[in-house]
Amino acid sequence: MKIQVLMDAVYSASDTIVVRQVEDLTIIIPLTPGIDDTENKPYILNATGQIIWKQLNGRKKLNKIVTDLAATFKMPVGVIKKDVTGFVRELLNRKMLVKIAKT
């Protein structure tokens, strides 16, 4: 079943991960026992992922993050939305991100 990413929700890092910055890399290390090995491997964020990750701080709704990033990078909202929702879905699947609020 495909995880639904809600644009009016607020997302934040799961409390079952450790995040480390090593030089210019952000590495997310899952601490969740009992998930399969592919989901339990460290996840290295590229430059784009790092920018999105910093916004997923439990304070902003996802639609605000998308519009802010679209304005910052002067890109169409639809393009940014697709990239951000794909990234968020991947992190939700890996249990590295949690939805903390929805209104």
Protein backbone atom coordinates (compact mmCIF):
# COMPACT_ATOMS: atom_id res chain seq x y z
CA MET A 1 0.00 0.00 0.00
CA LYS A 2 1.36 3.38 -1.01
CA ILE A 3 1.81 5.79 1.88
CA GLN A 4 -0.22 8.95 1.49
CA VAL A 5 1.64 12.23 1.83
CA LEU A 6 -0.67 15.00 3.02
CA MET A 7 0.10 18.54 1.95
CA ASP A 8 -1.68 20.05 4.96
CA ALA A 9 0.26 17.92 7.45
CA VAL A 10 3.35 18.74 9.48
CA TYR A 11 6.21 16.25 9.41
CA SER A 12 9.22 15.80 11.63
CA ALA A 13 12.14 13.43 12.15
CA SER A 14 11.22 10.19 13.87
CA ASP A 15 12.59 9.62 17.35
CA THR A 16 13.92 6.26 16.11
CA ILE A 17 16.74 7.76 14.05
CA VAL A 18 20.09 9.43 14.56
CA VAL A 19 21.16 12.19 12.18
CA ARG A 20 24.82 12.95 11.66
CA GLN A 21 26.51 15.61 9.60
CA VAL A 22 29.82 14.40 8.14
CA GLU A 23 31.51 17.14 6.15
CA ASP A 24 28.92 18.08 3.50
CA LEU A 25 26.81 14.92 3.92
CA THR A 26 23.76 14.40 6.10
CA ILE A 27 23.37 10.78 7.15
CA ILE A 28 20.19 9.39 8.70
CA ILE A 29 20.74 6.20 10.68
CA PRO A 30 17.62 4.21 11.60
CA LEU A 31 17.45 2.59 15.02
CA THR A 32 14.22 0.67 14.43
CA PRO A 33 14.57 -3.06 15.11
CA GLY A 34 12.50 -5.55 13.19
CA ILE A 35 12.29 -3.81 9.82
CA ASP A 36 13.87 -5.41 6.80
CA ASP A 37 17.51 -4.75 5.97
CA THR A 38 16.82 -2.46 3.01
CA GLU A 39 14.95 -0.04 5.28
CA ASN A 40 17.46 -0.33 8.11
CA LYS A 41 20.48 0.98 6.18
CA PRO A 42 21.88 4.49 6.64
CA TYR A 43 20.29 6.99 4.28
CA ILE A 44 22.58 9.64 2.81
CA LEU A 45 20.96 12.88 1.73
CA ASN A 46 22.08 14.69 -1.40
CA ALA A 47 22.13 18.49 -1.48
CA THR A 48 18.45 18.72 -2.45
CA GLY A 49 17.46 16.22 0.23
CA GLN A 50 19.37 18.22 2.84
CA ILE A 51 17.47 21.38 1.94
CA ILE A 52 14.11 19.60 2.21
CA TRP A 53 15.14 17.76 5.40
CA LYS A 54 15.92 21.03 7.18
CA GLN A 55 12.38 22.22 6.44
CA LEU A 56 10.78 19.07 7.88
CA ASN A 57 11.22 20.37 11.40
CA GLY A 58 7.75 19.86 12.85
CA ARG A 59 6.74 23.49 12.48
CA LYS A 60 5.61 24.02 8.88
CA LYS A 61 2.90 22.35 6.86
CA LEU A 62 4.18 20.55 3.81
CA ASN A 63 2.32 22.86 1.40
CA LYS A 64 4.15 25.85 2.93
CA ILE A 65 7.50 24.08 2.54
CA VAL A 66 6.70 23.41 -1.13
CA THR A 67 5.68 27.00 -1.89
CA ASP A 68 8.71 28.39 -0.04
CA LEU A 69 11.10 26.12 -1.92
CA ALA A 70 9.43 26.93 -5.25
CA ALA A 71 9.88 30.65 -4.57
CA THR A 72 13.48 30.23 -3.38
CA PHE A 73 14.54 28.21 -6.40
CA LYS A 74 12.21 29.94 -8.88
CA MET A 75 10.73 26.62 -9.96
CA PRO A 76 7.11 25.68 -10.69
CA VAL A 77 5.24 24.57 -7.58
CA GLY A 78 4.19 21.35 -9.32
CA VAL A 79 7.79 20.31 -9.92
CA ILE A 80 8.81 21.04 -6.32
CA LYS A 81 5.68 19.31 -4.99
CA LYS A 82 6.49 16.13 -6.90
CA ASP A 83 10.09 16.07 -5.62
CA VAL A 84 9.15 16.88 -2.02
CA THR A 85 6.28 14.39 -1.81
CA GLY A 86 8.47 11.64 -3.27
CA PHE A 87 11.18 12.39 -0.72
CA VAL A 88 8.71 12.53 2.17
CA ARG A 89 7.07 9.27 1.06
CA GLU A 90 10.46 7.53 0.98
CA LEU A 91 11.31 8.75 4.49
CA LEU A 92 7.87 7.74 5.78
CA ASN A 93 8.31 4.27 4.24
CA ARG A 94 11.65 3.96 6.00
CA LYS A 95 10.11 5.19 9.28
CA MET A 96 12.60 8.07 9.41
CA LEU A 97 9.88 10.71 9.32
CA VAL A 98 6.55 10.98 11.13
CA LYS A 99 3.41 13.01 10.62
CA ILE A 100 2.84 15.06 13.74
CA ALA A 101 -0.18 17.19 12.89
CA LYS A 102 -2.97 17.63 10.40
CA THR A 103 -5.62 20.30 10.31
